[in-house]
Amino acid sequence: MWKLHRLDQRNHWIFDMDGTLTISTHDFDYMRKELGLGVDEPILEALHAMSNEQSAPLWLKLDELERYFAQKSTLMPGVPELLEKLQMRGAKLGLLTRNVMPVVETTLNTCGIGHFFPIEHRLDRDSCAPKPSPDGINHLLNEWQADPSDAVMVGDYWFDLQAGRNANVATIHLDPEGEFAWPEVTDISIRQFSEIHDFL
């Protein structure tokens, strides 16, 4: 499977942030409870479905919750080594998250990896239609003048993998637990980033 996707020949890498580059500290059950949402209800979709009057205070509350968790972020093992290896070989690196930019900046600064991602290659939920839409990936590919066959989307959740599938790029599912719940939208499954190094 690895050879089919030739990671050593793909030079445009797009990463999810929380739970992928960072060890997720987000307690989504707690966040949903604080926002008055149901169990397992997608937060962004639920808020978008509300009237502006109903959702406005909840967006503010969500921003507050996300900033709180961003300050507790730590790097997933192997991230600096992988990003440095990709950067040294000239690969373009992008960030695509369902978060908002102030939280993105807090997370990157807390974890010390902001220098790997040019500001113009960081896309949040206000920069494009949120994942699983392929809009963010397509935007970066257009910016880089790159073909989907030369790109990879790396994430830990269905939204990331489905966005990659929708954009026709290779998808890598990072799941430290090894459960790999979404094989239908996953090209390569890994439990840790060190598994990628031998193929670059």
N, C-alpha and C. Protein backbone atom coordinates (compact mmCIF):
# COMPACT_ATOMS: atom_id res chain seq x y z
N MET A 1 0.83 -1.21 0.00
CA MET A 1 0.00 0.00 0.00
C MET A 1 0.86 1.25 0.00
N TRP A 2 1.94 1.21 0.78
CA TRP A 2 2.81 2.39 0.85
C TRP A 2 3.35 2.74 -0.53
N LYS A 3 3.79 1.70 -1.27
CA LYS A 3 4.40 1.96 -2.57
C LYS A 3 3.40 2.56 -3.54
N LEU A 4 2.14 2.20 -3.39
CA LEU A 4 1.12 2.73 -4.28
C LEU A 4 1.02 4.24 -4.17
N HIS A 5 1.33 4.78 -3.01
CA HIS A 5 1.14 6.21 -2.77
C HIS A 5 2.46 6.98 -2.78
N ARG A 6 3.59 6.28 -2.84
CA ARG A 6 4.92 6.88 -3.00
C ARG A 6 5.06 8.21 -2.25
N LEU A 7 5.08 8.13 -0.94
CA LEU A 7 5.19 9.34 -0.12
C LEU A 7 6.48 10.09 -0.40
N ASP A 8 7.51 9.38 -0.86
CA ASP A 8 8.78 10.05 -1.15
C ASP A 8 8.68 10.95 -2.37
N GLN A 9 7.60 10.80 -3.15
CA GLN A 9 7.42 11.63 -4.33
C GLN A 9 6.30 12.65 -4.17
N ARG A 10 5.74 12.72 -2.99
CA ARG A 10 4.67 13.69 -2.74
C ARG A 10 5.26 14.85 -1.93
N ASN A 11 5.14 16.04 -2.49
CA ASN A 11 5.84 17.19 -1.91
C ASN A 11 4.91 18.28 -1.39
N HIS A 12 3.63 17.95 -1.18
CA HIS A 12 2.68 18.92 -0.64
C HIS A 12 1.89 18.22 0.46
N TRP A 13 2.18 18.61 1.69
CA TRP A 13 1.63 17.93 2.86
C TRP A 13 0.74 18.87 3.66
N ILE A 14 -0.47 18.41 3.93
CA ILE A 14 -1.45 19.20 4.67
C ILE A 14 -1.80 18.44 5.95
N PHE A 15 -1.72 19.14 7.07
CA PHE A 15 -1.93 18.51 8.36
C PHE A 15 -3.13 19.12 9.10
N ASP A 16 -3.90 18.26 9.72
CA ASP A 16 -4.82 18.69 10.76
C ASP A 16 -3.96 19.09 11.96
N MET A 17 -4.55 19.84 12.90
CA MET A 17 -3.76 20.29 14.04
C MET A 17 -4.08 19.49 15.31
N ASP A 18 -5.23 19.72 15.92
CA ASP A 18 -5.56 19.10 17.20
C ASP A 18 -5.77 17.60 17.05
N GLY A 19 -5.01 16.82 17.81
CA GLY A 19 -5.11 15.38 17.75
C GLY A 19 -4.23 14.75 16.69
N THR A 20 -3.62 15.60 15.86
CA THR A 20 -2.72 15.11 14.81
C THR A 20 -1.31 15.62 15.09
N LEU A 21 -1.09 16.90 14.87
CA LEU A 21 0.21 17.48 15.24
C LEU A 21 0.35 17.59 16.75
N THR A 22 -0.76 17.78 17.42
CA THR A 22 -0.74 17.91 18.88
C THR A 22 -1.53 16.78 19.53
N ILE A 23 -1.16 16.47 20.76
CA ILE A 23 -1.95 15.54 21.55
C ILE A 23 -3.18 16.30 22.02
N SER A 24 -4.32 15.87 21.59
CA SER A 24 -5.54 16.62 21.86
C SER A 24 -5.86 16.65 23.36
N THR A 25 -6.04 17.85 23.87
CA THR A 25 -6.47 18.03 25.26
C THR A 25 -7.96 18.38 25.32
N HIS A 26 -8.57 18.50 24.14
CA HIS A 26 -9.96 18.93 24.09
C HIS A 26 -10.88 17.87 24.69
N ASP A 27 -11.70 18.30 25.61
CA ASP A 27 -12.73 17.44 26.17
C ASP A 27 -14.04 17.82 25.46
N PHE A 28 -14.29 17.14 24.34
CA PHE A 28 -15.42 17.52 23.51
C PHE A 28 -16.76 17.26 24.19
N ASP A 29 -16.82 16.25 25.04
CA ASP A 29 -18.06 16.01 25.78
C ASP A 29 -18.35 17.19 26.70
N TYR A 30 -17.30 17.66 27.38
CA TYR A 30 -17.45 18.83 28.25
C TYR A 30 -17.84 20.06 27.44
N MET A 31 -17.19 20.24 26.28
CA MET A 31 -17.49 21.40 25.43
C MET A 31 -18.94 21.38 24.96
N ARG A 32 -19.40 20.21 24.54
CA ARG A 32 -20.79 20.11 24.09
C ARG A 32 -21.75 20.41 25.24
N LYS A 33 -21.42 19.92 26.43
CA LYS A 33 -22.28 20.19 27.60
C LYS A 33 -22.34 21.68 27.90
N GLU A 34 -21.17 22.34 27.83
CA GLU A 34 -21.12 23.78 28.08
C GLU A 34 -21.90 24.57 27.03
N LEU A 35 -21.97 24.02 25.82
CA LEU A 35 -22.67 24.70 24.72
C LEU A 35 -24.13 24.27 24.62
N GLY A 36 -24.53 23.32 25.47
CA GLY A 36 -25.91 22.86 25.46
C GLY A 36 -26.24 21.95 24.30
N LEU A 37 -25.23 21.25 23.78
CA LEU A 37 -25.44 20.36 22.64
C LEU A 37 -25.57 18.91 23.08
N GLY A 38 -26.11 18.10 22.19
CA GLY A 38 -26.30 16.70 22.49
C GLY A 38 -25.00 15.91 22.39
N VAL A 39 -24.99 14.72 22.94
CA VAL A 39 -23.84 13.83 22.90
C VAL A 39 -23.50 13.49 21.45
N ASP A 40 -22.22 13.64 21.10
CA ASP A 40 -21.72 13.33 19.75
C ASP A 40 -22.24 14.27 18.66
N GLU A 41 -22.93 15.33 19.03
CA GLU A 41 -23.41 16.28 18.02
C GLU A 41 -22.22 17.10 17.51
N PRO A 42 -22.02 17.17 16.18
CA PRO A 42 -20.91 17.97 15.64
C PRO A 42 -21.07 19.44 16.01
N ILE A 43 -20.07 20.00 16.66
CA ILE A 43 -20.21 21.33 17.25
C ILE A 43 -20.42 22.41 16.19
N LEU A 44 -19.55 22.47 15.20
CA LEU A 44 -19.66 23.55 14.20
C LEU A 44 -20.97 23.45 13.44
N GLU A 45 -21.33 22.24 13.02
CA GLU A 45 -22.55 22.05 12.26
C GLU A 45 -23.78 22.42 13.09
N ALA A 46 -23.75 22.07 14.37
CA ALA A 46 -24.87 22.39 15.25
C ALA A 46 -25.05 23.89 15.40
N LEU A 47 -23.94 24.61 15.59
CA LEU A 47 -24.03 26.06 15.75
C LEU A 47 -24.44 26.74 14.46
N HIS A 48 -23.96 26.25 13.33
CA HIS A 48 -24.35 26.83 12.04
C HIS A 48 -25.84 26.64 11.76
N ALA A 49 -26.41 25.59 12.31
CA ALA A 49 -27.83 25.31 12.06
C ALA A 49 -28.75 26.20 12.87
N MET A 50 -28.19 26.90 13.87
CA MET A 50 -28.99 27.77 14.72
C MET A 50 -29.17 29.15 14.10
N SER A 51 -30.12 29.89 14.62
CA SER A 51 -30.28 31.29 14.22
C SER A 51 -29.09 32.08 14.74
N ASN A 52 -28.81 33.22 14.11
CA ASN A 52 -27.70 34.06 14.56
C ASN A 52 -27.87 34.49 16.01
N GLU A 53 -29.11 34.80 16.38
CA GLU A 53 -29.39 35.24 17.75
C GLU A 53 -29.07 34.14 18.75
N GLN A 54 -29.40 32.92 18.41
CA GLN A 54 -29.16 31.79 19.31
C GLN A 54 -27.69 31.40 19.35
N SER A 55 -27.03 31.47 18.19
CA SER A 55 -25.66 30.95 18.11
C SER A 55 -24.60 31.95 18.53
N ALA A 56 -24.87 33.24 18.44
CA ALA A 56 -23.84 34.26 18.70
C ALA A 56 -23.13 34.07 20.05
N PRO A 57 -23.87 33.94 21.17
CA PRO A 57 -23.17 33.74 22.45
C PRO A 57 -22.46 32.40 22.53
N LEU A 58 -22.95 31.42 21.78
CA LEU A 58 -22.31 30.11 21.80
C LEU A 58 -20.99 30.12 21.03
N TRP A 59 -20.90 30.89 19.94
CA TRP A 59 -19.63 31.03 19.24
C TRP A 59 -18.58 31.66 20.15
N LEU A 60 -19.00 32.66 20.93
CA LEU A 60 -18.08 33.30 21.87
C LEU A 60 -17.62 32.30 22.93
N LYS A 61 -18.56 31.51 23.41
CA LYS A 61 -18.23 30.49 24.41
C LYS A 61 -17.30 29.45 23.82
N LEU A 62 -17.53 29.06 22.57
CA LEU A 62 -16.67 28.08 21.91
C LEU A 62 -15.25 28.62 21.76
N ASP A 63 -15.14 29.90 21.38
CA ASP A 63 -13.81 30.52 21.26
C ASP A 63 -13.08 30.48 22.60
N GLU A 64 -13.80 30.76 23.66
CA GLU A 64 -13.21 30.76 25.00
C GLU A 64 -12.73 29.35 25.38
N LEU A 65 -13.54 28.36 25.10
CA LEU A 65 -13.17 26.97 25.41
C LEU A 65 -11.97 26.53 24.59
N GLU A 66 -11.94 26.89 23.32
CA GLU A 66 -10.85 26.47 22.44
C GLU A 66 -9.53 27.14 22.86
N ARG A 67 -9.59 28.40 23.26
CA ARG A 67 -8.36 29.08 23.72
C ARG A 67 -7.83 28.42 24.99
N TYR A 68 -8.73 28.02 25.85
CA TYR A 68 -8.33 27.35 27.10
C TYR A 68 -7.57 26.06 26.79
N PHE A 69 -8.12 25.24 25.93
CA PHE A 69 -7.48 23.97 25.62
C PHE A 69 -6.21 24.15 24.80
N ALA A 70 -6.16 25.20 23.96
CA ALA A 70 -4.98 25.44 23.13
C ALA A 70 -3.75 25.69 24.00
N GLN A 71 -3.93 26.33 25.13
CA GLN A 71 -2.81 26.64 26.01
C GLN A 71 -2.25 25.39 26.70
N LYS A 72 -2.97 24.29 26.61
CA LYS A 72 -2.52 23.04 27.23
C LYS A 72 -1.94 22.07 26.19
N SER A 73 -1.80 22.53 24.94
CA SER A 73 -1.37 21.65 23.86
C SER A 73 0.07 21.18 24.03
N THR A 74 0.32 19.94 23.65
CA THR A 74 1.68 19.39 23.57
C THR A 74 1.80 18.66 22.25
N LEU A 75 3.04 18.52 21.78
CA LEU A 75 3.26 17.91 20.47
C LEU A 75 3.08 16.40 20.50
N MET A 76 2.54 15.88 19.43
CA MET A 76 2.50 14.44 19.22
C MET A 76 3.94 13.97 18.99
N PRO A 77 4.35 12.84 19.55
CA PRO A 77 5.72 12.35 19.35
C PRO A 77 6.07 12.22 17.86
N GLY A 78 7.26 12.67 17.52
CA GLY A 78 7.75 12.54 16.15
C GLY A 78 7.41 13.68 15.22
N VAL A 79 6.60 14.63 15.69
CA VAL A 79 6.18 15.73 14.82
C VAL A 79 7.35 16.61 14.36
N PRO A 80 8.19 17.14 15.28
CA PRO A 80 9.27 18.02 14.81
C PRO A 80 10.20 17.33 13.82
N GLU A 81 10.51 16.06 14.08
CA GLU A 81 11.41 15.33 13.19
C GLU A 81 10.80 15.17 11.80
N LEU A 82 9.51 14.84 11.73
CA LEU A 82 8.86 14.67 10.43
C LEU A 82 8.79 15.99 9.68
N LEU A 83 8.36 17.05 10.36
CA LEU A 83 8.24 18.34 9.69
C LEU A 83 9.59 18.84 9.20
N GLU A 84 10.62 18.64 10.01
CA GLU A 84 11.96 19.07 9.61
C GLU A 84 12.44 18.28 8.40
N LYS A 85 12.18 17.00 8.38
CA LYS A 85 12.60 16.16 7.26
C LYS A 85 11.90 16.58 5.98
N LEU A 86 10.60 16.85 6.08
CA LEU A 86 9.84 17.29 4.92
C LEU A 86 10.33 18.66 4.43
N GLN A 87 10.55 19.55 5.37
CA GLN A 87 11.01 20.90 5.02
C GLN A 87 12.38 20.86 4.36
N MET A 88 13.27 20.02 4.86
CA MET A 88 14.62 19.94 4.32
C MET A 88 14.64 19.40 2.89
N ARG A 89 13.67 18.60 2.55
CA ARG A 89 13.63 18.07 1.17
C ARG A 89 12.83 18.98 0.25
N GLY A 90 12.34 20.12 0.79
CA GLY A 90 11.67 21.12 -0.03
C GLY A 90 10.18 20.97 -0.15
N ALA A 91 9.57 20.14 0.68
CA ALA A 91 8.12 19.96 0.62
C ALA A 91 7.40 21.20 1.14
N LYS A 92 6.24 21.47 0.57
CA LYS A 92 5.37 22.54 1.04
C LYS A 92 4.49 21.98 2.17
N LEU A 93 4.34 22.76 3.23
CA LEU A 93 3.56 22.32 4.38
C LEU A 93 2.38 23.27 4.63
N GLY A 94 1.21 22.69 4.82
CA GLY A 94 0.03 23.48 5.11
C GLY A 94 -0.71 22.94 6.32
N LEU A 95 -1.53 23.80 6.90
CA LEU A 95 -2.30 23.46 8.10
C LEU A 95 -3.77 23.72 7.81
N LEU A 96 -4.63 22.73 8.08
CA LEU A 96 -6.06 22.87 7.83
C LEU A 96 -6.81 22.40 9.06
N THR A 97 -7.49 23.33 9.73
CA THR A 97 -8.14 23.02 11.00
C THR A 97 -9.55 23.59 11.04
N ARG A 98 -10.38 22.96 11.85
CA ARG A 98 -11.73 23.46 12.10
C ARG A 98 -11.74 24.46 13.25
N ASN A 99 -10.58 24.85 13.70
CA ASN A 99 -10.44 25.84 14.76
C ASN A 99 -10.47 27.25 14.18
N VAL A 100 -10.17 28.28 14.98
CA VAL A 100 -10.07 29.66 14.50
C VAL A 100 -8.63 30.14 14.65
N MET A 101 -8.26 31.16 13.88
CA MET A 101 -6.86 31.53 13.76
C MET A 101 -6.20 31.93 15.08
N PRO A 102 -6.84 32.71 15.96
CA PRO A 102 -6.17 33.01 17.23
C PRO A 102 -5.81 31.76 18.02
N VAL A 103 -6.67 30.75 17.96
CA VAL A 103 -6.40 29.50 18.65
C VAL A 103 -5.29 28.73 17.94
N VAL A 104 -5.29 28.77 16.62
CA VAL A 104 -4.22 28.15 15.84
C VAL A 104 -2.87 28.74 16.25
N GLU A 105 -2.81 30.06 16.31
CA GLU A 105 -1.55 30.73 16.66
C GLU A 105 -1.12 30.39 18.08
N THR A 106 -2.07 30.35 19.00
CA THR A 106 -1.75 29.97 20.38
C THR A 106 -1.17 28.57 20.44
N THR A 107 -1.80 27.65 19.72
CA THR A 107 -1.35 26.26 19.71
C THR A 107 0.04 26.14 19.10
N LEU A 108 0.27 26.76 17.96
CA LEU A 108 1.57 26.68 17.29
C LEU A 108 2.66 27.30 18.15
N ASN A 109 2.36 28.42 18.79
CA ASN A 109 3.35 29.08 19.66
C ASN A 109 3.64 28.23 20.89
N THR A 110 2.59 27.66 21.47
CA THR A 110 2.77 26.81 22.65
C THR A 110 3.65 25.61 22.34
N CYS A 111 3.47 25.06 21.14
CA CYS A 111 4.19 23.84 20.76
C CYS A 111 5.49 24.13 20.01
N GLY A 112 5.72 25.37 19.61
CA GLY A 112 6.98 25.74 18.97
C GLY A 112 7.17 25.24 17.56
N ILE A 113 6.08 25.09 16.79
CA ILE A 113 6.21 24.60 15.42
C ILE A 113 5.67 25.59 14.38
N GLY A 114 5.43 26.81 14.79
CA GLY A 114 4.87 27.80 13.88
C GLY A 114 5.75 28.06 12.67
N HIS A 115 7.08 27.94 12.84
CA HIS A 115 8.00 28.27 11.74
C HIS A 115 7.91 27.28 10.58
N PHE A 116 7.28 26.14 10.80
CA PHE A 116 7.12 25.18 9.70
C PHE A 116 5.96 25.55 8.77
N PHE A 117 5.05 26.39 9.24
CA PHE A 117 3.84 26.69 8.49
C PHE A 117 3.72 28.18 8.20
N PRO A 118 4.02 28.61 6.96
CA PRO A 118 3.83 30.02 6.61
C PRO A 118 2.40 30.46 6.90
N ILE A 119 2.25 31.70 7.33
CA ILE A 119 0.93 32.20 7.72
C ILE A 119 -0.10 31.99 6.61
N GLU A 120 0.32 32.21 5.37
CA GLU A 120 -0.62 32.09 4.25
C GLU A 120 -1.02 30.64 3.97
N HIS A 121 -0.34 29.70 4.60
CA HIS A 121 -0.67 28.29 4.41
C HIS A 121 -1.34 27.68 5.63
N ARG A 122 -1.85 28.55 6.50
CA ARG A 122 -2.64 28.12 7.66
C ARG A 122 -4.09 28.48 7.40
N LEU A 123 -4.96 27.48 7.32
CA LEU A 123 -6.37 27.74 7.05
C LEU A 123 -7.22 27.28 8.22
N ASP A 124 -8.09 28.19 8.68
CA ASP A 124 -8.99 27.86 9.78
C ASP A 124 -10.41 27.75 9.25
N ARG A 125 -11.38 27.61 10.15
CA ARG A 125 -12.76 27.41 9.72
C ARG A 125 -13.36 28.66 9.09
N ASP A 126 -12.73 29.82 9.27
CA ASP A 126 -13.23 31.05 8.66
C ASP A 126 -12.55 31.33 7.33
N SER A 127 -11.50 30.57 7.00
CA SER A 127 -10.76 30.79 5.76
C SER A 127 -11.40 30.06 4.58
N CYS A 128 -12.18 29.02 4.89
CA CYS A 128 -12.78 28.18 3.86
C CYS A 128 -13.89 27.37 4.51
N ALA A 129 -14.65 26.67 3.70
CA ALA A 129 -15.66 25.76 4.26
C ALA A 129 -14.95 24.70 5.09
N PRO A 130 -15.40 24.47 6.32
CA PRO A 130 -14.69 23.51 7.20
C PRO A 130 -14.68 22.10 6.64
N LYS A 131 -13.65 21.34 7.01
CA LYS A 131 -13.64 19.90 6.72
C LYS A 131 -14.93 19.27 7.27
N PRO A 132 -15.54 18.34 6.55
CA PRO A 132 -15.00 17.51 5.48
C PRO A 132 -15.04 18.10 4.08
N SER A 133 -15.40 19.38 3.96
CA SER A 133 -15.33 20.01 2.64
C SER A 133 -13.88 19.98 2.15
N PRO A 134 -13.66 19.80 0.85
CA PRO A 134 -12.30 19.81 0.30
C PRO A 134 -11.80 21.21 0.01
N ASP A 135 -12.58 22.24 0.32
CA ASP A 135 -12.25 23.61 -0.07
C ASP A 135 -10.85 24.03 0.39
N GLY A 136 -10.52 23.74 1.64
CA GLY A 136 -9.22 24.15 2.17
C GLY A 136 -8.07 23.48 1.45
N ILE A 137 -8.21 22.18 1.20
CA ILE A 137 -7.17 21.46 0.48
C ILE A 137 -7.04 22.00 -0.94
N ASN A 138 -8.18 22.21 -1.60
CA ASN A 138 -8.13 22.74 -2.96
C ASN A 138 -7.52 24.13 -3.00
N HIS A 139 -7.81 24.93 -1.99
CA HIS A 139 -7.22 26.27 -1.92
C HIS A 139 -5.69 26.20 -1.85
N LEU A 140 -5.19 25.33 -0.98
CA LEU A 140 -3.74 25.19 -0.85
C LEU A 140 -3.12 24.63 -2.12
N LEU A 141 -3.76 23.66 -2.74
CA LEU A 141 -3.24 23.10 -3.98
C LEU A 141 -3.17 24.17 -5.07
N ASN A 142 -4.20 25.01 -5.14
CA ASN A 142 -4.19 26.11 -6.11
C ASN A 142 -3.08 27.10 -5.80
N GLU A 143 -2.90 27.41 -4.53
CA GLU A 143 -1.85 28.33 -4.11
C GLU A 143 -0.48 27.78 -4.48
N TRP A 144 -0.31 26.50 -4.33
CA TRP A 144 0.98 25.85 -4.62
C TRP A 144 1.11 25.45 -6.09
N GLN A 145 0.01 25.59 -6.85
CA GLN A 145 -0.03 25.11 -8.24
C GLN A 145 0.38 23.63 -8.30
N ALA A 146 -0.22 22.87 -7.40
CA ALA A 146 0.11 21.46 -7.24
C ALA A 146 -1.07 20.58 -7.66
N ASP A 147 -0.76 19.39 -8.09
CA ASP A 147 -1.77 18.41 -8.47
C ASP A 147 -2.11 17.55 -7.25
N PRO A 148 -3.35 17.09 -7.13
CA PRO A 148 -3.72 16.22 -6.01
C PRO A 148 -2.84 14.98 -5.90
N SER A 149 -2.32 14.49 -7.02
CA SER A 149 -1.48 13.30 -7.00
C SER A 149 -0.14 13.54 -6.31
N ASP A 150 0.15 14.81 -6.02
CA ASP A 150 1.41 15.17 -5.36
C ASP A 150 1.18 15.62 -3.92
N ALA A 151 -0.02 15.32 -3.39
CA ALA A 151 -0.39 15.86 -2.08
C ALA A 151 -0.87 14.78 -1.11
N VAL A 152 -0.77 15.11 0.18
CA VAL A 152 -1.16 14.21 1.26
C VAL A 152 -1.94 15.01 2.30
N MET A 153 -3.02 14.41 2.81
CA MET A 153 -3.75 14.98 3.95
C MET A 153 -3.56 14.05 5.13
N VAL A 154 -3.07 14.60 6.25
CA VAL A 154 -2.80 13.81 7.45
C VAL A 154 -3.74 14.26 8.56
N GLY A 155 -4.46 13.31 9.15
CA GLY A 155 -5.38 13.67 10.22
C GLY A 155 -5.72 12.50 11.12
N ASP A 156 -6.41 12.83 12.20
CA ASP A 156 -6.77 11.80 13.18
C ASP A 156 -8.26 11.50 13.21
N TYR A 157 -9.05 12.22 12.37
CA TYR A 157 -10.50 12.07 12.48
C TYR A 157 -11.13 11.99 11.10
N TRP A 158 -12.37 11.53 11.08
CA TRP A 158 -13.11 11.34 9.83
C TRP A 158 -13.16 12.61 9.00
N PHE A 159 -13.38 13.77 9.65
CA PHE A 159 -13.45 15.02 8.91
C PHE A 159 -12.21 15.22 8.04
N ASP A 160 -11.03 14.95 8.59
CA ASP A 160 -9.76 15.14 7.88
C ASP A 160 -9.66 14.19 6.69
N LEU A 161 -9.95 12.93 6.95
CA LEU A 161 -9.80 11.90 5.93
C LEU A 161 -10.82 12.07 4.82
N GLN A 162 -12.04 12.43 5.16
CA GLN A 162 -13.07 12.65 4.15
C GLN A 162 -12.75 13.87 3.30
N ALA A 163 -12.21 14.90 3.92
CA ALA A 163 -11.79 16.08 3.15
C ALA A 163 -10.71 15.70 2.14
N GLY A 164 -9.76 14.89 2.59
CA GLY A 164 -8.72 14.42 1.68
C GLY A 164 -9.27 13.59 0.55
N ARG A 165 -10.20 12.69 0.88
CA ARG A 165 -10.82 11.86 -0.15
C ARG A 165 -11.59 12.74 -1.15
N ASN A 166 -12.31 13.74 -0.63
CA ASN A 166 -13.09 14.62 -1.49
C ASN A 166 -12.20 15.44 -2.43
N ALA A 167 -10.95 15.68 -2.01
CA ALA A 167 -10.01 16.45 -2.82
C ALA A 167 -9.10 15.56 -3.67
N ASN A 168 -9.29 14.25 -3.56
CA ASN A 168 -8.52 13.28 -4.35
C ASN A 168 -7.03 13.29 -4.02
N VAL A 169 -6.69 13.55 -2.76
CA VAL A 169 -5.30 13.44 -2.33
C VAL A 169 -5.15 12.19 -1.48
N ALA A 170 -3.92 11.74 -1.28
CA ALA A 170 -3.67 10.59 -0.41
C ALA A 170 -4.01 10.96 1.03
N THR A 171 -4.54 10.01 1.78
CA THR A 171 -4.91 10.28 3.18
C THR A 171 -4.12 9.37 4.11
N ILE A 172 -3.64 9.97 5.20
CA ILE A 172 -2.95 9.22 6.24
C ILE A 172 -3.72 9.40 7.54
N HIS A 173 -4.13 8.30 8.13
CA HIS A 173 -4.87 8.33 9.39
C HIS A 173 -3.91 8.01 10.53
N LEU A 174 -3.71 8.99 11.41
CA LEU A 174 -2.92 8.79 12.62
C LEU A 174 -3.86 8.39 13.75
N ASP A 175 -3.66 7.20 14.29
CA ASP A 175 -4.47 6.72 15.40
C ASP A 175 -3.56 5.95 16.37
N PRO A 176 -3.08 6.62 17.43
CA PRO A 176 -2.19 5.94 18.38
C PRO A 176 -2.78 4.69 18.99
N GLU A 177 -4.11 4.60 19.04
CA GLU A 177 -4.77 3.44 19.62
C GLU A 177 -4.83 2.27 18.63
N GLY A 178 -4.61 2.54 17.36
CA GLY A 178 -4.61 1.48 16.36
C GLY A 178 -5.97 0.94 16.00
N GLU A 179 -7.04 1.70 16.24
CA GLU A 179 -8.38 1.21 15.93
C GLU A 179 -8.76 1.46 14.47
N PHE A 180 -8.28 2.57 13.89
CA PHE A 180 -8.45 2.88 12.47
C PHE A 180 -9.90 2.70 12.02
N ALA A 181 -10.73 3.59 12.51
CA ALA A 181 -12.18 3.45 12.36
C ALA A 181 -12.72 3.75 10.97
N TRP A 182 -11.95 4.40 10.11
CA TRP A 182 -12.51 4.84 8.82
C TRP A 182 -11.67 4.35 7.64
N PRO A 183 -11.58 3.04 7.45
CA PRO A 183 -10.76 2.51 6.36
C PRO A 183 -11.22 2.93 4.98
N GLU A 184 -12.51 3.23 4.85
CA GLU A 184 -13.05 3.59 3.53
C GLU A 184 -12.53 4.93 3.01
N VAL A 185 -11.99 5.76 3.91
CA VAL A 185 -11.45 7.06 3.47
C VAL A 185 -9.96 7.18 3.83
N THR A 186 -9.34 6.05 4.14
CA THR A 186 -7.94 6.03 4.56
C THR A 186 -7.09 5.26 3.57
N ASP A 187 -5.98 5.86 3.15
CA ASP A 187 -5.03 5.17 2.29
C ASP A 187 -3.92 4.50 3.10
N ILE A 188 -3.45 5.20 4.13
CA ILE A 188 -2.36 4.70 4.95
C ILE A 188 -2.72 4.91 6.42
N SER A 189 -2.56 3.88 7.23
CA SER A 189 -2.87 3.96 8.66
C SER A 189 -1.58 3.85 9.46
N ILE A 190 -1.40 4.77 10.40
CA ILE A 190 -0.21 4.75 11.25
C ILE A 190 -0.60 4.99 12.70
N ARG A 191 0.22 4.45 13.60
CA ARG A 191 0.00 4.69 15.03
C ARG A 191 0.93 5.79 15.54
N GLN A 192 2.04 6.03 14.83
CA GLN A 192 2.95 7.09 15.23
C GLN A 192 3.68 7.61 13.99
N PHE A 193 4.16 8.84 14.06
CA PHE A 193 4.76 9.49 12.90
C PHE A 193 6.06 8.83 12.47
N SER A 194 6.73 8.16 13.38
CA SER A 194 8.00 7.53 13.02
C SER A 194 7.82 6.48 11.93
N GLU A 195 6.60 5.96 11.76
CA GLU A 195 6.33 4.97 10.74
C GLU A 195 6.49 5.52 9.33
N ILE A 196 6.41 6.84 9.20
CA ILE A 196 6.48 7.48 7.88
C ILE A 196 7.91 7.66 7.43
N HIS A 197 8.85 7.83 8.34
CA HIS A 197 10.19 8.27 8.00
C HIS A 197 10.90 7.41 6.97
N ASP A 198 10.74 6.11 7.06
CA ASP A 198 11.44 5.22 6.14
C ASP A 198 10.93 5.31 4.71
N PHE A 199 9.81 6.00 4.52
CA PHE A 199 9.22 6.08 3.19
C PHE A 199 9.40 7.46 2.57
N LEU A 200 10.20 8.31 3.20
CA LEU A 200 10.43 9.66 2.68
C LEU A 200 11.82 9.78 2.07
